[in-house]
Amino acid sequence: MDAVIDVRRAEERYPGGERAAGIETRHAFSFGPHYDPANVRFGALIACNEERLAPGAGFDEHPHRHTEIVTWVVEGELTHRDSTGRETAVRPGDVQRLSAAGGVRHAERNDGPAPLTFVQMWLAPRDPDGDPSYEVVRGIADATPYAVPAAGAVLHVRRPAAGERWAVPDGAYVYVHVVRGTVRLDGAELGAGDAARVTDARGVDAVAVTRAELLVWEMS
């Protein structure tokens, strides 16, 4: 079976957040008042939010359950606090994962002097029970896989140079999110904020039109 590629443009994302409070959000999937029964998940992925927080802005403590939350900082510094007592500063190049399991509360803020931009991705775990867990991988290298076994998923961070060709991972579901730059995926040109949902990915290639940064989920 040939791969099926569904391209979603940045301008198609659902707007959210609260601009008056310095919070701007763009949702790739059905979220809150933007309910679309045909767009609730892709593979294990149930959210891919682009978040922009002004200095001093943020999300106060709120609960999560049954969710694997993976965060990638694009620019600025994210302060994470949670009900297990952790407080962490997450910076560009770091991968943060919070397994909400049976329940956890956390807060996310921009306590720094510069604007903060990050991408937050939620995945549905295969087993929703258990205890919350947390980790940060500092300065993950290009093409280093980061596994989220609870969701049957692997994140590949790619930073190809202009003209570099690379293979999209094979998988039942592959989600490609362009953080910055421009890439060409099977003939479709994708820019910052664009995404491609690839079903039955086999032998799909991509090439960087410019220097780029991508988050690529491989899901079973």
Protein backbone atom coordinates (compact mmCIF):
# COMPACT_ATOMS: atom_id res chain seq x y z
CA MET A 1 0.00 0.00 0.00
CA ASP A 2 1.32 3.45 -0.91
CA ALA A 3 1.78 6.10 1.75
CA VAL A 4 -1.07 8.59 2.14
CA ILE A 5 0.12 12.13 2.89
CA ASP A 6 -2.25 14.71 4.33
CA VAL A 7 -0.72 18.22 4.45
CA ARG A 8 -2.09 20.67 7.01
CA ARG A 9 -1.07 24.33 6.67
CA ALA A 10 -0.14 26.67 9.51
CA GLU A 11 -3.07 28.95 8.73
CA GLU A 12 -5.50 26.04 9.17
CA ARG A 13 -4.66 25.71 12.87
CA TYR A 14 -7.35 26.64 15.37
CA PRO A 15 -6.59 29.89 17.24
CA GLY A 16 -6.60 29.85 21.01
CA GLY A 17 -5.05 31.33 24.11
CA GLU A 18 -5.71 34.75 25.55
CA ARG A 19 -3.85 37.57 23.83
CA ALA A 20 -4.71 40.09 26.53
CA ALA A 21 -2.85 37.84 28.98
CA GLY A 22 0.13 37.40 26.63
CA ILE A 23 -0.84 33.87 25.53
CA GLU A 24 -1.23 32.90 21.88
CA THR A 25 -1.94 29.29 20.89
CA ARG A 26 -2.40 27.52 17.56
CA HIS A 27 -3.95 24.05 17.75
CA ALA A 28 -3.40 21.38 15.09
CA PHE A 29 -6.13 19.11 16.48
CA SER A 30 -9.67 19.49 17.78
CA PHE A 31 -9.41 21.41 21.04
CA GLY A 32 -11.85 23.08 23.44
CA PRO A 33 -14.44 25.13 21.54
CA HIS A 34 -12.85 24.12 18.21
CA TYR A 35 -14.37 20.65 18.16
CA ASP A 36 -14.01 18.66 14.97
CA PRO A 37 -14.87 14.94 15.30
CA ALA A 38 -12.81 14.24 12.18
CA ASN A 39 -9.67 15.79 13.71
CA VAL A 40 -9.34 14.45 17.25
CA ARG A 41 -6.13 12.43 16.81
CA PHE A 42 -3.60 10.93 14.41
CA GLY A 43 -2.06 7.72 15.64
CA ALA A 44 -1.27 8.31 19.30
CA LEU A 45 -1.03 12.09 18.81
CA ILE A 46 -3.98 14.06 20.20
CA ALA A 47 -2.51 17.58 20.34
CA CYS A 48 0.27 19.58 18.69
CA ASN A 49 0.07 23.13 20.01
CA GLU A 50 2.26 26.06 19.03
CA GLU A 51 2.46 28.27 22.13
CA ARG A 52 3.72 31.83 22.41
CA LEU A 53 4.04 33.43 25.85
CA ALA A 54 4.98 37.03 26.49
CA PRO A 55 7.41 37.71 29.37
CA GLY A 56 5.58 37.12 32.65
CA ALA A 57 2.74 35.17 30.99
CA GLY A 58 1.89 31.53 31.42
CA PHE A 59 -0.48 28.77 32.38
CA ASP A 60 -1.18 28.54 36.10
CA GLU A 61 -1.34 25.16 37.80
CA HIS A 62 -3.84 22.87 36.09
CA PRO A 63 -4.48 19.10 36.01
CA HIS A 64 -3.73 16.41 33.43
CA ARG A 65 -4.56 12.71 33.37
CA HIS A 66 -3.85 9.84 30.99
CA THR A 67 -1.57 11.89 28.74
CA GLU A 68 2.08 11.82 27.66
CA ILE A 69 3.10 15.48 27.28
CA VAL A 70 6.24 16.24 25.24
CA THR A 71 7.51 19.82 24.93
CA TRP A 72 10.04 21.38 22.55
CA VAL A 73 11.20 24.96 23.17
CA VAL A 74 11.82 26.95 19.99
CA GLU A 75 13.09 30.14 21.59
CA GLY A 76 13.17 31.59 25.09
CA GLU A 77 13.02 29.63 28.33
CA LEU A 78 10.09 27.69 29.78
CA THR A 79 9.70 27.31 33.54
CA HIS A 80 7.95 24.06 34.48
CA ARG A 81 6.56 23.33 37.96
CA ASP A 82 4.48 20.32 38.92
CA SER A 83 2.75 18.72 41.88
CA THR A 84 5.61 16.26 42.42
CA GLY A 85 7.74 19.22 43.55
CA ARG A 86 9.85 19.61 40.42
CA GLU A 87 10.82 23.00 39.02
CA THR A 88 12.79 22.99 35.77
CA ALA A 89 13.98 25.50 33.17
CA VAL A 90 13.58 24.08 29.65
CA ARG A 91 15.56 25.68 26.84
CA PRO A 92 15.93 25.30 23.05
CA GLY A 93 17.33 21.88 22.21
CA ASP A 94 15.84 20.20 25.29
CA VAL A 95 13.11 17.57 25.13
CA GLN A 96 10.77 17.57 28.13
CA ARG A 97 8.34 14.73 28.87
CA LEU A 98 5.68 14.67 31.57
CA SER A 99 3.72 11.42 31.95
CA ALA A 100 0.49 12.46 33.64
CA ALA A 101 -0.58 8.83 34.29
CA GLY A 102 -3.32 8.72 36.94
CA GLY A 103 -3.09 12.44 37.55
CA VAL A 104 -0.67 15.34 37.95
CA ARG A 105 -0.86 19.12 38.19
CA HIS A 106 1.62 21.47 36.56
CA ALA A 107 2.24 25.10 35.67
CA GLU A 108 4.14 26.50 32.67
CA ARG A 109 5.36 30.05 32.58
CA ASN A 110 7.67 32.47 30.85
CA ASP A 111 9.62 33.87 33.78
CA GLY A 112 12.33 35.28 31.51
CA PRO A 113 12.73 38.72 29.87
CA ALA A 114 12.27 37.53 26.26
CA PRO A 115 9.27 36.08 24.39
CA LEU A 116 8.88 32.30 24.65
CA THR A 117 7.82 29.98 21.83
CA PHE A 118 7.37 26.25 22.27
CA VAL A 119 5.63 23.29 20.67
CA GLN A 120 3.71 21.00 22.99
CA MET A 121 2.54 17.58 21.85
CA TRP A 122 0.15 15.28 23.71
CA LEU A 123 -0.01 11.53 23.12
CA ALA A 124 -2.53 8.99 24.36
CA PRO A 125 -0.87 6.23 26.42
CA ARG A 126 -1.68 2.59 25.83
CA ASP A 127 -2.12 2.08 29.58
CA PRO A 128 -3.52 5.18 31.31
CA ASP A 129 -2.74 4.03 34.85
CA GLY A 130 0.44 4.28 36.91
CA ASP A 131 2.37 7.03 38.64
CA PRO A 132 3.37 10.35 37.07
CA SER A 133 6.95 10.64 35.80
CA TYR A 134 9.10 13.40 34.37
CA GLU A 135 12.36 13.83 32.52
CA VAL A 136 14.34 16.34 30.47
CA VAL A 137 16.92 15.40 27.85
CA ARG A 138 19.30 18.33 27.48
CA GLY A 139 20.58 19.36 24.07
CA ILE A 140 19.35 16.38 22.07
CA ALA A 141 21.47 15.78 18.98
CA ASP A 142 20.17 15.80 15.42
CA ALA A 143 18.51 12.54 14.35
CA THR A 144 18.67 11.12 17.90
CA PRO A 145 15.45 9.16 18.53
CA TYR A 146 13.55 9.87 21.73
CA ALA A 147 11.21 7.02 22.65
CA VAL A 148 7.88 7.37 24.45
CA PRO A 149 7.15 3.67 25.00
CA ALA A 150 3.92 4.31 26.91
CA ALA A 151 2.39 5.67 23.68
CA GLY A 152 4.19 3.39 21.22
CA ALA A 153 5.89 6.43 19.71
CA VAL A 154 9.35 7.75 18.88
CA LEU A 155 10.24 11.41 18.34
CA HIS A 156 12.96 12.24 15.81
CA VAL A 157 14.38 15.78 15.96
CA ARG A 158 15.81 16.72 12.57
CA ARG A 159 17.90 19.78 11.67
CA PRO A 160 18.81 19.26 7.99
CA ALA A 161 21.03 21.70 6.12
CA ALA A 162 19.81 23.25 2.86
CA GLY A 163 19.82 20.60 0.13
CA GLU A 164 20.07 17.67 2.54
CA ARG A 165 17.90 14.69 1.67
CA TRP A 166 16.66 12.35 4.38
CA ALA A 167 14.27 9.46 4.79
CA VAL A 168 11.01 9.84 6.67
CA PRO A 169 10.78 6.97 9.19
CA ASP A 170 8.65 4.03 8.13
CA GLY A 171 5.58 3.56 10.28
CA ALA A 172 1.85 3.10 10.43
CA TYR A 173 1.55 6.77 11.37
CA VAL A 174 4.20 9.46 10.91
CA TYR A 175 3.59 13.10 11.83
CA VAL A 176 5.99 15.74 10.50
CA HIS A 177 5.87 19.23 12.05
CA VAL A 178 8.06 21.99 10.59
CA VAL A 179 9.42 24.22 13.34
CA ARG A 180 11.46 26.48 11.06
CA GLY A 181 12.72 26.59 7.50
CA THR A 182 11.26 24.95 4.39
CA VAL A 183 11.25 21.30 3.33
CA ARG A 184 9.85 19.37 0.39
CA LEU A 185 8.07 16.15 1.32
CA ASP A 186 7.09 13.91 -1.57
CA GLY A 187 6.64 16.96 -3.80
CA ALA A 188 4.76 19.11 -1.27
CA GLU A 189 6.58 22.17 0.07
CA LEU A 190 6.15 22.75 3.81
CA GLY A 191 7.05 25.90 5.73
CA ALA A 192 7.16 26.83 9.40
CA GLY A 193 4.00 25.72 11.21
CA ASP A 194 2.96 23.34 8.43
CA ALA A 195 2.58 19.62 9.12
CA ALA A 196 2.16 16.39 7.20
CA ARG A 197 0.28 13.33 8.43
CA VAL A 198 1.67 10.27 6.69
CA THR A 199 -0.27 7.00 6.92
CA ASP A 200 1.47 3.73 6.02
CA ALA A 201 4.79 5.51 5.55
CA ARG A 202 7.17 3.44 3.46
CA GLY A 203 10.07 4.82 1.46
CA VAL A 204 9.01 8.48 1.78
CA ASP A 205 11.86 10.98 1.25
CA ALA A 206 12.19 14.63 2.17
CA VAL A 207 14.68 17.33 1.20
CA ALA A 208 15.45 20.58 2.98
CA VAL A 209 14.88 23.57 0.71
CA THR A 210 16.50 25.78 3.36
CA ARG A 211 18.13 24.96 6.66
CA ALA A 212 15.29 23.58 8.74
CA GLU A 213 14.18 22.13 12.05
CA LEU A 214 11.50 19.44 12.26
CA LEU A 215 9.77 17.30 14.85
CA VAL A 216 8.91 13.89 13.39
CA TRP A 217 6.74 11.38 15.26
CA GLU A 218 6.96 7.72 14.31
CA MET A 219 3.96 5.82 15.71
CA SER A 220 2.81 2.22 15.51
